[in-house]
N, C-alpha and C. Protein backbone atom coordinates (compact mmCIF):
# COMPACT_ATOMS: atom_id res chain seq x y z
N UNK A 1 0.90 -1.20 -0.04
CA UNK A 1 0.03 -0.16 -0.09
C UNK A 1 0.99 1.24 0.05
N UNK A 2 0.36 2.16 -0.72
CA UNK A 2 1.21 3.54 -0.78
C UNK A 2 0.93 4.28 0.33
N UNK A 3 2.07 4.78 1.11
CA UNK A 3 1.78 5.59 2.29
C UNK A 3 1.35 7.06 1.96
N UNK A 4 0.81 7.84 2.91
CA UNK A 4 0.62 9.22 2.67
C UNK A 4 1.91 9.93 2.34
N UNK A 5 2.00 10.89 1.29
CA UNK A 5 3.12 11.60 1.07
C UNK A 5 4.01 12.17 2.04
N UNK A 6 3.44 12.64 3.31
CA UNK A 6 4.09 13.14 4.38
C UNK A 6 5.10 12.04 5.05
N UNK A 7 4.71 10.77 4.67
CA UNK A 7 5.43 9.58 5.14
C UNK A 7 6.42 8.92 4.33
N UNK A 8 6.53 9.41 3.26
CA UNK A 8 7.26 8.68 2.19
C UNK A 8 8.61 9.34 2.16
N UNK A 9 9.66 8.42 1.98
CA UNK A 9 10.95 8.92 1.80
C UNK A 9 11.21 9.14 0.36
N UNK A 10 12.38 9.91 0.09
CA UNK A 10 12.65 10.29 -1.21
C UNK A 10 12.86 9.15 -2.02
N UNK A 11 13.43 8.05 -1.71
CA UNK A 11 13.71 6.77 -2.44
C UNK A 11 12.23 6.08 -2.83
N UNK A 12 11.29 6.17 -1.85
CA UNK A 12 9.94 5.68 -2.08
C UNK A 12 9.39 6.56 -3.26
N UNK A 13 9.40 7.91 -3.21
CA UNK A 13 8.91 8.74 -4.15
C UNK A 13 9.56 8.36 -5.61
N UNK A 14 10.77 7.93 -5.51
CA UNK A 14 11.40 7.75 -6.88
C UNK A 14 10.93 6.38 -7.32
N UNK A 15 10.49 5.61 -6.58
CA UNK A 15 10.01 4.11 -7.03
C UNK A 15 8.60 4.03 -7.17
N UNK A 16 7.94 5.10 -6.85
CA UNK A 16 6.56 5.33 -6.99
C UNK A 16 5.96 4.61 -8.43
N UNK A 17 6.53 5.27 -9.57
CA UNK A 17 6.14 4.75 -10.88
C UNK A 17 6.22 3.16 -11.08
N UNK A 18 7.04 2.60 -10.14
CA UNK A 18 7.06 1.02 -10.42
C UNK A 18 6.03 0.34 -9.56
N UNK A 19 5.23 0.98 -8.78
CA UNK A 19 4.27 0.35 -7.97
C UNK A 19 3.04 0.16 -8.80
N UNK A 20 2.55 -1.30 -8.51
CA UNK A 20 1.30 -1.66 -9.27
C UNK A 20 0.13 -0.77 -8.88
N UNK A 21 0.05 -0.55 -7.60
CA UNK A 21 -1.11 0.28 -7.05
C UNK A 21 -1.14 1.69 -7.74
N UNK A 22 0.21 2.24 -7.98
CA UNK A 22 0.12 3.69 -8.55
C UNK A 22 -0.23 3.40 -9.94
N UNK A 23 0.09 2.46 -10.67
CA UNK A 23 -0.30 2.16 -12.12
C UNK A 23 -1.82 2.05 -12.24
N UNK A 24 -2.54 1.50 -11.22
CA UNK A 24 -3.92 1.46 -11.39
C UNK A 24 -4.52 2.99 -11.54
N UNK A 25 -3.85 3.85 -10.88
CA UNK A 25 -4.31 5.20 -10.69
C UNK A 25 -4.16 5.91 -12.24
N UNK A 26 -2.84 5.54 -12.74
CA UNK A 26 -2.42 6.04 -13.94
C UNK A 26 -3.19 5.49 -15.12
N UNK A 27 -3.70 4.21 -15.02
CA UNK A 27 -4.38 3.63 -16.09
C UNK A 27 -5.86 3.79 -16.02
N UNK A 28 -6.24 4.55 -14.93
CA UNK A 28 -7.68 4.50 -14.56
C UNK A 28 -8.51 3.27 -14.43
N UNK A 29 -7.76 2.32 -13.70
CA UNK A 29 -8.40 0.99 -13.62
C UNK A 29 -9.56 0.96 -12.39
N UNK A 30 -9.63 2.01 -11.81
CA UNK A 30 -10.45 2.03 -10.76
C UNK A 30 -11.82 2.70 -10.98
N UNK A 31 -12.31 2.99 -12.00
CA UNK A 31 -13.47 3.50 -12.25
C UNK A 31 -14.61 2.72 -11.70
N UNK A 32 -15.36 3.35 -10.83
CA UNK A 32 -16.60 2.42 -10.19
C UNK A 32 -17.59 2.05 -11.26
N UNK A 33 -18.18 0.92 -11.05
CA UNK A 33 -19.17 0.23 -11.99
C UNK A 33 -20.24 1.16 -12.24
N UNK A 34 -20.70 1.84 -11.18
CA UNK A 34 -21.75 2.86 -11.34
C UNK A 34 -21.58 3.89 -12.26
N UNK A 35 -20.39 4.12 -12.54
CA UNK A 35 -19.73 5.27 -13.52
C UNK A 35 -19.57 4.87 -14.85
N UNK A 36 -19.76 3.71 -15.26
CA UNK A 36 -19.20 3.13 -16.55
C UNK A 36 -20.05 3.70 -17.71
N UNK A 37 -21.50 3.98 -17.29
CA UNK A 37 -22.21 4.54 -18.51
C UNK A 37 -22.40 5.79 -18.39
N UNK A 38 -21.91 6.58 -17.52
CA UNK A 38 -21.90 8.06 -17.42
C UNK A 38 -21.12 8.85 -18.30
N UNK A 39 -21.72 9.79 -19.12
CA UNK A 39 -21.16 10.53 -20.10
C UNK A 39 -20.07 11.53 -19.53
N UNK A 40 -20.15 11.77 -18.30
CA UNK A 40 -19.03 12.57 -17.86
C UNK A 40 -17.89 11.78 -16.99
N UNK A 41 -17.93 10.60 -17.06
CA UNK A 41 -16.88 9.68 -16.31
C UNK A 41 -15.41 10.02 -16.85
N UNK A 42 -15.30 10.36 -18.03
CA UNK A 42 -13.75 10.76 -18.55
C UNK A 42 -13.38 11.92 -17.83
N UNK A 43 -14.19 12.77 -17.60
CA UNK A 43 -13.95 14.16 -16.90
C UNK A 43 -13.72 14.16 -15.38
N UNK A 44 -14.81 13.41 -14.67
CA UNK A 44 -14.65 13.35 -13.02
C UNK A 44 -14.02 12.07 -12.74
N UNK A 45 -13.83 11.05 -13.56
CA UNK A 45 -13.20 9.76 -13.10
C UNK A 45 -13.68 9.07 -11.89
N UNK A 46 -15.09 9.40 -11.82
CA UNK A 46 -15.60 8.67 -10.78
C UNK A 46 -15.53 9.36 -9.39
N UNK A 47 -15.07 10.46 -9.27
CA UNK A 47 -14.98 11.09 -8.09
C UNK A 47 -13.48 10.92 -7.46
N UNK A 48 -13.47 11.04 -6.24
CA UNK A 48 -12.28 10.92 -5.27
C UNK A 48 -11.84 9.54 -4.96
N UNK A 49 -10.86 9.02 -5.54
CA UNK A 49 -10.47 7.66 -5.44
C UNK A 49 -9.80 7.45 -3.90
N UNK A 50 -9.10 8.43 -3.51
CA UNK A 50 -8.61 8.31 -2.09
C UNK A 50 -9.75 8.36 -1.07
N UNK A 51 -10.74 9.13 -1.29
CA UNK A 51 -11.87 9.15 -0.33
C UNK A 51 -12.56 7.74 -0.30
N UNK A 52 -12.61 7.12 -1.69
CA UNK A 52 -13.27 5.70 -1.70
C UNK A 52 -12.27 4.78 -1.00
N UNK A 53 -11.00 4.94 -0.95
CA UNK A 53 -10.24 4.01 -0.66
C UNK A 53 -10.30 4.02 1.13
N UNK A 54 -10.37 5.37 1.53
CA UNK A 54 -10.32 5.42 3.12
C UNK A 54 -11.61 5.17 3.74
N UNK A 55 -12.81 5.55 3.10
CA UNK A 55 -14.15 5.34 3.56
C UNK A 55 -14.59 3.96 3.41
N UNK A 56 -14.36 3.56 2.15
CA UNK A 56 -15.01 2.13 1.79
C UNK A 56 -14.01 1.02 1.45
N UNK A 57 -12.87 1.27 1.78
CA UNK A 57 -11.81 0.42 1.61
C UNK A 57 -11.21 -0.10 0.32
N UNK A 58 -11.52 0.52 -0.82
CA UNK A 58 -10.95 0.32 -2.17
C UNK A 58 -11.09 1.54 -2.82
N UNK A 59 -10.05 1.82 -3.80
CA UNK A 59 -10.00 2.91 -4.87
C UNK A 59 -11.16 2.71 -5.82
N UNK A 60 -11.46 1.37 -5.93
CA UNK A 60 -12.44 1.07 -6.98
C UNK A 60 -13.92 1.16 -6.53
N UNK A 61 -14.10 1.52 -5.19
CA UNK A 61 -15.46 1.68 -4.65
C UNK A 61 -15.86 3.10 -4.96
N UNK A 62 -17.16 3.33 -5.06
CA UNK A 62 -17.66 4.68 -5.43
C UNK A 62 -17.17 5.88 -4.20
N UNK A 63 -17.12 7.06 -4.89
CA UNK A 63 -16.76 8.10 -3.98
C UNK A 63 -17.83 8.24 -3.04
N UNK A 64 -17.67 8.34 -1.76
CA UNK A 64 -18.64 8.53 -0.81
C UNK A 64 -19.70 9.51 -1.00
N UNK A 65 -19.43 10.61 -1.69
CA UNK A 65 -20.38 11.57 -1.98
C UNK A 65 -21.21 11.14 -3.20
N UNK A 66 -20.68 10.14 -4.04
CA UNK A 66 -21.55 9.91 -5.18
C UNK A 66 -22.23 8.50 -4.89
N UNK A 67 -21.93 7.75 -3.85
CA UNK A 67 -22.21 6.45 -3.65
C UNK A 67 -23.71 6.29 -3.85
N UNK A 68 -24.59 7.30 -3.23
CA UNK A 68 -26.03 6.97 -3.44
C UNK A 68 -26.58 7.07 -4.88
N UNK A 69 -25.66 7.60 -5.74
CA UNK A 69 -25.99 7.83 -7.10
C UNK A 69 -26.82 9.07 -7.53
N UNK A 70 -27.07 9.94 -6.60
CA UNK A 70 -27.72 11.07 -6.87
C UNK A 70 -27.10 12.34 -6.61
N UNK A 71 -26.04 12.31 -5.64
CA UNK A 71 -25.28 13.62 -5.46
C UNK A 71 -24.25 13.93 -6.46
N UNK A 72 -24.28 14.91 -7.05
CA UNK A 72 -23.46 15.31 -8.31
C UNK A 72 -23.51 14.32 -9.53
N UNK A 73 -24.38 13.60 -9.58
CA UNK A 73 -24.39 12.62 -10.68
C UNK A 73 -25.25 13.41 -11.91
N UNK A 74 -24.74 13.30 -13.00
CA UNK A 74 -25.05 13.79 -14.40
C UNK A 74 -25.23 12.81 -15.27
N UNK A 75 -26.54 12.64 -15.78
CA UNK A 75 -26.49 11.55 -16.91
C UNK A 75 -26.54 12.26 -18.37
């Protein structure tokens, strides 16, 4: 698991691009299923991935503000 930036050493920052977890963010592999048919998904990327990880346990989970499907959701 990637540490918060305040806890990372310079060497860890340099190795970040080698991290599989980081690559999921780069490749956008984390888009929540509820967002796949949304016309705005390419722009908002499903909301905040870190909030999803912290509050729901996975960066692939829905953003907590978007989880009920109505807050900030545009079709």
